[in-house]
Amino acid sequence: MAKKNTNETPSLFDVQEPDAVIEPPAGFPATWATALAAEFGEAYFSKLQEFVTAERQSSQIFPAEVDVYNAYRFAPLDAVKVVLLGQDPYPTPGHAHGLCFSVRPGVTIPASLRNIYQERQSDLGIAPAKHGYLASWATQGILMLNAVLTVRSGTPNSHANKGWEKFTDATLKAVNAKTTPVVFVLWGGYAQKKRPLIDESRHAVIASVHPSPLSASAGFFGSKPFSKINAQLADKGLSPIDWTLPEKV
């Protein structure tokens, strides 16, 4: 079998020979690349990448290709101590950048995030930020993961059931396998369906309704997730999260 030119940059979107090794995305942290190596070689993952590539050729897809795996880049597996699980990226131009609930600087703060800020103020006394960029949370060891990592503009859940869920379930399983304890934050029914993937004898779960305007008043407000997360981290001998956000980003 002829070898590939080693000077070529490997791509997830190359057509792979059956016994070829699929490289992880550029910049993928080594700890994640090792933990998820088997997924990159699965047929479903190749088909998923083909689907996303075709979608980008015919439609506007979010986030930008360079940002799809930011949740992993911002929080390498060995650093993860909290998981915050969303459903899929914001389908609005300029919003999604690879971290669940977060938006780019300068973007109007979405309603769910405004509710998160309101609950944070009630819980910890921190005034709402003037922006919605949550990268400083992620870099403290919060895996801010959406179950589906891409979406078509204006069409929520348009990339659901294409393979991303299998990949992100493998991600949750990799976190669950960590020997150090992790706090899993499950807001809403969709996220709570992932609870069977978590060994609650070793890890903590904090669950409530979703912060969406449709449900926040039914149990998200008053749930005090931020202080509960830090209490769980302290109980497990881990450093707390600084929930403040920089004024300028």
Protein backbone atom coordinates (compact mmCIF):
# COMPACT_ATOMS: atom_id res chain seq x y z
CA MET A 1 0.00 0.00 0.00
CA ALA A 2 1.45 3.39 -0.96
CA LYS A 3 2.28 5.72 1.89
CA LYS A 4 0.87 9.22 2.04
CA ASN A 5 3.20 12.15 1.50
CA THR A 6 4.37 12.93 5.02
CA ASN A 7 4.71 16.60 4.10
CA GLU A 8 0.97 16.93 3.64
CA THR A 9 -1.07 18.31 6.51
CA PRO A 10 -3.50 15.61 7.73
CA SER A 11 -7.17 16.55 7.71
CA LEU A 12 -10.25 15.05 9.26
CA PHE A 13 -11.96 15.61 5.94
CA ASP A 14 -9.54 13.56 3.82
CA VAL A 15 -10.90 10.30 2.45
CA GLN A 16 -9.21 7.67 4.59
CA GLU A 17 -8.04 4.23 3.56
CA PRO A 18 -9.54 1.49 5.74
CA ASP A 19 -6.39 0.97 7.81
CA ALA A 20 -5.32 4.63 7.90
CA VAL A 21 -4.96 6.48 11.17
CA ILE A 22 -7.21 9.51 11.36
CA GLU A 23 -5.51 12.48 12.97
CA PRO A 24 -7.31 14.56 15.62
CA PRO A 25 -8.21 18.16 14.75
CA ALA A 26 -5.38 20.68 14.69
CA GLY A 27 -4.66 21.99 18.16
CA PHE A 28 -6.58 19.19 19.87
CA PRO A 29 -4.99 18.75 23.34
CA ALA A 30 -2.95 15.58 23.64
CA THR A 31 -4.94 14.26 26.59
CA TRP A 32 -8.18 14.48 24.59
CA ALA A 33 -6.56 13.07 21.46
CA THR A 34 -5.46 10.02 23.40
CA ALA A 35 -8.80 9.51 25.16
CA LEU A 36 -10.84 9.85 21.96
CA ALA A 37 -8.42 8.20 19.53
CA ALA A 38 -10.78 5.30 18.84
CA GLU A 39 -13.59 7.68 17.81
CA PHE A 40 -11.53 9.30 15.05
CA GLY A 41 -11.17 5.90 13.36
CA GLU A 42 -14.85 4.99 13.46
CA ALA A 43 -16.97 5.03 10.30
CA TYR A 44 -19.59 7.26 11.93
CA PHE A 45 -16.97 9.96 12.55
CA SER A 46 -15.83 9.97 8.91
CA LYS A 47 -19.45 10.20 7.76
CA LEU A 48 -20.08 13.02 10.24
CA GLN A 49 -17.15 15.03 8.90
CA GLU A 50 -18.32 14.44 5.32
CA PHE A 51 -21.77 15.71 6.30
CA VAL A 52 -20.42 18.86 7.98
CA THR A 53 -18.10 19.55 5.04
CA ALA A 54 -21.01 19.28 2.60
CA GLU A 55 -23.13 21.52 4.82
CA ARG A 56 -20.43 24.19 4.88
CA GLN A 57 -20.31 24.13 1.09
CA SER A 58 -24.05 24.72 0.74
CA SER A 59 -25.07 26.61 3.90
CA GLN A 60 -23.79 28.89 6.65
CA ILE A 61 -22.66 26.67 9.52
CA PHE A 62 -21.75 27.67 13.08
CA PRO A 63 -19.35 27.85 14.73
CA ALA A 64 -16.52 28.53 12.30
CA GLU A 65 -14.48 25.44 11.53
CA VAL A 66 -11.56 26.70 13.61
CA ASP A 67 -13.82 27.01 16.69
CA VAL A 68 -15.72 23.70 16.58
CA TYR A 69 -13.50 21.99 19.18
CA ASN A 70 -12.85 24.97 21.47
CA ALA A 71 -14.44 23.25 24.47
CA TYR A 72 -11.61 20.70 24.29
CA ARG A 73 -8.89 23.25 23.58
CA PHE A 74 -9.89 25.52 26.46
CA ALA A 75 -10.18 22.63 28.95
CA PRO A 76 -7.77 19.72 28.35
CA LEU A 77 -8.96 16.44 29.85
CA ASP A 78 -6.39 16.40 32.64
CA ALA A 79 -7.59 19.86 33.75
CA VAL A 80 -11.35 19.17 33.69
CA LYS A 81 -13.04 19.39 37.08
CA VAL A 82 -16.51 20.65 36.01
CA VAL A 83 -18.65 19.72 32.99
CA LEU A 84 -21.34 22.13 31.81
CA LEU A 85 -23.44 20.49 29.11
CA GLY A 86 -25.46 22.31 26.47
CA GLN A 87 -27.47 20.99 23.54
CA ASP A 88 -26.21 22.59 20.32
CA PRO A 89 -24.56 25.89 19.26
CA TYR A 90 -26.40 29.17 18.90
CA PRO A 91 -27.76 29.26 15.30
CA THR A 92 -27.41 33.05 15.08
CA PRO A 93 -24.58 34.59 13.04
CA GLY A 94 -21.67 35.75 15.20
CA HIS A 95 -22.80 34.01 18.38
CA ALA A 96 -21.38 30.47 18.61
CA HIS A 97 -17.66 29.98 19.16
CA GLY A 98 -17.43 26.46 20.55
CA LEU A 99 -18.27 26.96 24.25
CA CYS A 100 -21.82 26.22 25.38
CA PHE A 101 -23.86 29.25 26.53
CA SER A 102 -20.98 31.61 25.63
CA VAL A 103 -21.01 34.22 22.85
CA ARG A 104 -18.29 36.32 21.32
CA PRO A 105 -17.43 39.76 22.73
CA GLY A 106 -19.71 42.45 21.35
CA VAL A 107 -22.63 40.09 20.78
CA THR A 108 -25.94 40.80 22.52
CA ILE A 109 -26.23 38.54 25.55
CA PRO A 110 -28.74 35.73 24.80
CA ALA A 111 -31.75 35.29 27.06
CA SER A 112 -30.56 32.04 28.67
CA LEU A 113 -27.24 33.62 29.55
CA ARG A 114 -28.97 36.67 31.01
CA ASN A 115 -30.83 34.26 33.27
CA ILE A 116 -27.56 32.55 34.21
CA TYR A 117 -26.15 35.95 35.17
CA GLN A 118 -29.29 36.74 37.18
CA GLU A 119 -28.98 33.50 39.13
CA ARG A 120 -25.26 34.07 39.64
CA GLN A 121 -26.04 37.47 41.16
CA SER A 122 -28.68 35.96 43.44
CA ASP A 123 -26.35 33.12 44.43
CA LEU A 124 -23.01 34.92 44.77
CA GLY A 125 -23.74 38.64 44.57
CA ILE A 126 -21.84 39.07 41.29
CA ALA A 127 -23.38 41.73 39.06
CA PRO A 128 -24.23 40.69 35.48
CA ALA A 129 -21.37 41.09 33.03
CA LYS A 130 -21.69 43.46 30.10
CA HIS A 131 -20.60 40.73 27.70
CA GLY A 132 -21.32 37.02 27.23
CA TYR A 133 -17.81 35.69 26.66
CA LEU A 134 -17.27 32.86 29.17
CA ALA A 135 -13.80 31.69 28.17
CA SER A 136 -12.38 32.54 31.60
CA TRP A 137 -14.69 29.90 33.09
CA ALA A 138 -13.54 27.27 30.60
CA THR A 139 -9.85 27.92 31.22
CA GLN A 140 -10.36 27.13 34.91
CA GLY A 141 -11.23 23.54 34.06
CA ILE A 142 -14.89 23.76 33.01
CA LEU A 143 -15.60 21.64 29.94
CA MET A 144 -18.28 23.80 28.30
CA LEU A 145 -19.54 21.16 25.90
CA ASN A 146 -22.50 21.07 23.57
CA ALA A 147 -23.84 17.60 22.79
CA VAL A 148 -23.90 18.63 19.11
CA LEU A 149 -20.95 20.71 17.95
CA THR A 150 -22.28 22.35 14.76
CA VAL A 151 -25.54 23.85 13.52
CA ARG A 152 -26.98 25.38 10.35
CA SER A 153 -27.71 29.11 10.49
CA GLY A 154 -31.21 29.83 11.75
CA THR A 155 -32.08 26.16 12.25
CA PRO A 156 -31.64 24.83 15.81
CA ASN A 157 -30.89 21.09 16.07
CA SER A 158 -30.24 20.88 12.32
CA HIS A 159 -27.09 18.80 12.94
CA ALA A 160 -28.62 16.57 15.60
CA ASN A 161 -28.55 12.80 15.04
CA LYS A 162 -25.69 13.00 12.56
CA GLY A 163 -23.03 11.51 14.83
CA TRP A 164 -21.99 14.33 17.14
CA GLU A 165 -23.91 12.80 20.06
CA LYS A 166 -21.86 9.60 19.82
CA PHE A 167 -18.65 11.63 19.87
CA THR A 168 -19.69 13.80 22.81
CA ASP A 169 -21.01 10.77 24.71
CA ALA A 170 -17.51 9.31 24.31
CA THR A 171 -16.22 12.61 25.67
CA LEU A 172 -18.44 12.34 28.76
CA LYS A 173 -17.33 8.74 29.24
CA ALA A 174 -13.70 9.88 29.11
CA VAL A 175 -14.38 12.46 31.81
CA ASN A 176 -16.25 9.89 33.86
CA ALA A 177 -13.19 7.62 33.68
CA LYS A 178 -10.99 10.24 35.35
CA THR A 179 -9.65 9.15 38.73
CA THR A 180 -10.07 12.65 40.14
CA PRO A 181 -13.67 13.67 40.92
CA VAL A 182 -15.62 15.92 38.56
CA VAL A 183 -18.80 17.97 39.02
CA PHE A 184 -21.30 17.44 36.18
CA VAL A 185 -23.82 20.28 35.74
CA LEU A 186 -26.96 19.16 33.92
CA TRP A 187 -29.43 21.93 33.14
CA GLY A 188 -32.66 20.77 31.52
CA GLY A 189 -34.14 17.47 30.44
CA TYR A 190 -31.84 17.00 27.45
CA ALA A 191 -28.68 17.25 29.54
CA GLN A 192 -30.14 15.07 32.28
CA LYS A 193 -30.59 12.21 29.81
CA LYS A 194 -26.79 11.88 29.98
CA ARG A 195 -26.88 11.10 33.69
CA PRO A 196 -26.55 7.30 33.18
CA LEU A 197 -23.07 7.97 31.73
CA ILE A 198 -21.89 9.32 35.10
CA ASP A 199 -20.66 7.22 38.02
CA GLU A 200 -22.20 9.16 40.88
CA SER A 201 -20.32 7.13 43.46
CA ARG A 202 -17.19 9.02 42.35
CA HIS A 203 -18.48 12.19 40.73
CA ALA A 204 -21.06 14.82 41.71
CA VAL A 205 -24.13 15.80 39.68
CA ILE A 206 -25.90 19.15 39.99
CA ALA A 207 -29.16 19.14 38.05
CA SER A 208 -31.98 21.63 37.56
CA VAL A 209 -34.29 22.93 34.87
CA HIS A 210 -32.75 24.81 31.96
CA PRO A 211 -32.03 28.57 32.24
CA SER A 212 -34.10 29.23 29.12
CA PRO A 213 -36.83 31.89 29.54
CA LEU A 214 -39.33 29.09 28.92
CA SER A 215 -38.29 27.22 32.07
CA ALA A 216 -36.01 29.31 34.30
CA SER A 217 -38.80 30.40 36.63
CA ALA A 218 -39.78 26.74 37.14
CA GLY A 219 -36.67 25.85 39.11
CA PHE A 220 -33.52 27.36 37.70
CA PHE A 221 -33.92 30.59 39.62
CA GLY A 222 -33.05 29.85 43.23
CA SER A 223 -31.14 26.66 42.44
CA LYS A 224 -27.78 28.25 43.45
CA PRO A 225 -25.64 26.17 41.08
CA PHE A 226 -22.51 28.30 41.39
CA SER A 227 -22.14 27.99 45.14
CA LYS A 228 -23.10 24.30 44.92
CA ILE A 229 -20.38 23.64 42.35
CA ASN A 230 -17.75 25.31 44.50
CA ALA A 231 -18.97 23.48 47.59
CA GLN A 232 -18.62 20.16 45.78
CA LEU A 233 -15.14 21.08 44.55
CA ALA A 234 -14.07 22.07 48.05
CA ASP A 235 -15.48 18.84 49.46
CA LYS A 236 -13.35 16.92 46.97
CA GLY A 237 -10.22 18.94 47.78
CA LEU A 238 -10.26 20.89 44.51
CA SER A 239 -9.89 24.63 44.02
CA PRO A 240 -13.13 26.60 43.48
CA ILE A 241 -14.15 28.35 40.28
CA ASP A 242 -13.83 32.13 40.15
CA TRP A 243 -17.22 32.96 38.67
CA THR A 244 -16.42 36.62 38.01
CA LEU A 245 -15.71 37.64 34.44
CA PRO A 246 -13.20 40.22 33.20
CA GLU A 247 -14.78 43.58 32.41
CA LYS A 248 -12.95 43.80 29.10
CA VAL A 249 -12.33 40.90 26.71
